[in-house]
């Protein structure tokens, strides 16, 4: 994002005693770029409206309403699937955040907390929030999962029931009951 973007707020320039209101509604060209970045078929509407308020002396709280009308491809049929997203987003920008030195660290329980830098990028927060809210496996109402069995010619294909841990014991029990 360019340094002079209205959606990039320098923390030093923010009033530390009052709330800063914002409203972002990207134009068609920007929505197309975001849709491409997120792997969407289309992004018909997108709004991010809320406020940024001081939280203590150095931290900030972002609260916003994310609204989007998206189209994704069905994971089964590849048909277009329309979804409406309306979600309240909360981000805590913390100035003195301790980050573990370990190469493998546990994910914190509160995923709304972010390290505060020199600026707060509202557009990046909007895109990140949208990407989190997207359905992972969009399915059209007519989509049905098909079962496909693959095996060597002349052999019986393994089924889901065969893969169950006690399926073999149940078969053995049946054989013993018959004899």
Foldseek 3Di string as FASTA:
>chain_A
DDPPDPQKFFQVPDDQADKDWDKDWDDQVVQVVLCVVLVFPGKDTWMWTWIWHHDPRRKIKTKTWIWTWTWHQAPFPGDTDIDIDTDIAIAIADADDDDDPDPDDDDDPDPRYDHDDRIDRRVVVNSVVVSVPDDPHDHDPPDDDDDDFDDDPPDDTDDPLNVDPCSVVVVVVVVVVVD
